[in-house]
Structures are given as structure tokens and as C-alpha cells.
């Protein structure tokens, strides 16, 4: 079953993290959606995929990497499915 979520979090170098780490994780787990820097240090992501892929995507964000650590992660389930035509886009 497809699941859609909204994530909000803080991270240093937010635009770079969005363009590299977040986008790569979305591709890895076949997540479609939209990522946007709301202000410096604060990102918002809408993501849709099969439920198990969304869970793996969320886990990968919590784990971060050696140089990327997300803080104050908030997750909300979206009641409406967004159509991103199978890709993850970065909105500027």
C-alpha cells in the first residue's frame, strides 16, 4: 500500500544536504515527492512510496551519515496522495 508523509527537520548546510543526501536516499528507496529548503537550516519533504520503502527512507534519514545529522525530525502522515510522477524534485 502506498503511504505519503510530510517530514520537517533541521540540518546544517540544508540546501547541500537536500541536493545530495536526501535526494540520494529518495532514489535509493524509490521515493517520489518534493524537497524544499524553507529557510537556512530547515527542510520540508513530502514523500510517497510503498509503505516499506517509506519506512526504510525514514530510517535512513534518522541514521544520517558520517557528515549528515538531521535534528528535530517531525513526521506527519498525509491524508491525500500527491502525484510526483515517480520522481523526487527539489523546489527552490
Protein backbone atom coordinates (compact mmCIF):
# COMPACT_ATOMS: atom_id res chain seq x y z
CA UNK A 1 0.00 0.00 0.00
CA UNK A 2 1.25 3.46 -0.86
CA UNK A 3 1.99 5.83 2.02
CA UNK A 4 2.61 9.59 1.92
CA UNK A 5 4.33 11.60 4.62
CA UNK A 6 5.48 15.11 5.37
CA UNK A 7 8.87 15.48 7.08
CA UNK A 8 10.26 18.62 8.63
CA UNK A 9 13.72 18.85 10.18
CA UNK A 10 16.77 20.96 10.87
CA UNK A 11 20.20 20.33 9.40
CA UNK A 12 23.38 22.30 8.76
CA UNK A 13 24.09 23.15 5.08
CA UNK A 14 20.45 22.36 4.35
CA UNK A 15 20.41 23.04 0.59
CA UNK A 16 23.51 20.88 0.03
CA UNK A 17 22.07 18.08 2.20
CA UNK A 18 18.80 18.22 0.25
CA UNK A 19 20.57 18.06 -3.11
CA UNK A 20 22.89 15.24 -2.11
CA UNK A 21 21.94 13.09 0.87
CA UNK A 22 18.11 13.40 0.83
CA UNK A 23 17.80 13.09 -2.96
CA UNK A 24 20.08 10.03 -3.00
CA UNK A 25 18.09 8.33 -0.24
CA UNK A 26 14.85 9.06 -2.12
CA UNK A 27 16.29 7.50 -5.26
CA UNK A 28 17.67 4.50 -3.35
CA UNK A 29 14.27 3.69 -1.82
CA UNK A 30 12.22 4.68 -4.91
CA UNK A 31 10.51 7.52 -3.08
CA UNK A 32 8.78 10.21 -5.09
CA UNK A 33 7.99 13.65 -3.79
CA UNK A 34 9.23 17.16 -3.21
CA UNK A 35 12.00 18.57 -1.04
CA UNK A 36 12.35 22.27 -0.26
CA UNK A 37 14.52 24.45 1.94
CA UNK A 38 12.07 26.60 3.88
CA UNK A 39 14.82 28.76 5.36
CA UNK A 40 18.51 28.21 6.06
CA UNK A 41 18.85 25.13 8.22
CA UNK A 42 15.24 23.97 7.85
CA UNK A 43 13.93 21.47 5.26
CA UNK A 44 10.48 20.20 4.40
CA UNK A 45 9.96 17.00 2.42
CA UNK A 46 6.79 15.42 1.02
CA UNK A 47 7.41 11.76 0.18
CA UNK A 48 5.29 8.93 -1.24
CA UNK A 49 6.15 5.28 -1.86
CA UNK A 50 5.15 1.80 -0.84
CA UNK A 51 4.86 1.61 2.94
CA UNK A 52 8.00 -0.48 3.46
CA UNK A 53 10.04 1.85 1.24
CA UNK A 54 8.83 4.90 3.18
CA UNK A 55 9.82 3.21 6.45
CA UNK A 56 13.31 2.44 5.09
CA UNK A 57 13.61 6.04 3.81
CA UNK A 58 12.69 7.40 7.25
CA UNK A 59 15.15 5.03 8.94
CA UNK A 60 17.94 6.18 6.62
CA UNK A 61 17.23 9.82 7.49
CA UNK A 62 17.28 9.09 11.23
CA UNK A 63 20.58 7.25 10.86
CA UNK A 64 22.10 10.00 8.73
CA UNK A 65 25.71 9.59 7.65
CA UNK A 66 29.16 10.46 8.93
CA UNK A 67 28.71 14.08 7.85
CA UNK A 68 24.90 14.49 7.87
CA UNK A 69 22.88 14.51 11.08
CA UNK A 70 19.25 15.64 10.93
CA UNK A 71 17.79 17.24 14.07
CA UNK A 72 14.28 17.78 15.41
CA UNK A 73 12.65 15.48 12.87
CA UNK A 74 8.86 15.78 12.68
CA UNK A 75 6.81 13.32 10.64
CA UNK A 76 3.15 13.61 9.67
CA UNK A 77 1.10 11.21 7.60
CA UNK A 78 -0.52 12.96 4.65
CA UNK A 79 -4.17 12.14 4.13
CA UNK A 80 -4.04 12.87 0.41
CA UNK A 81 -1.69 11.24 -2.03
CA UNK A 82 0.42 13.66 -4.02
CA UNK A 83 1.36 12.82 -7.59
CA UNK A 84 5.03 13.47 -8.26
CA UNK A 85 5.09 11.38 -11.42
CA UNK A 86 7.59 8.92 -10.00
CA UNK A 87 10.44 11.35 -9.26
CA UNK A 88 11.84 13.27 -6.32
CA UNK A 89 12.05 17.00 -7.09
CA UNK A 90 13.91 19.77 -5.34
CA UNK A 91 12.00 23.05 -5.24
CA UNK A 92 13.95 26.25 -4.80
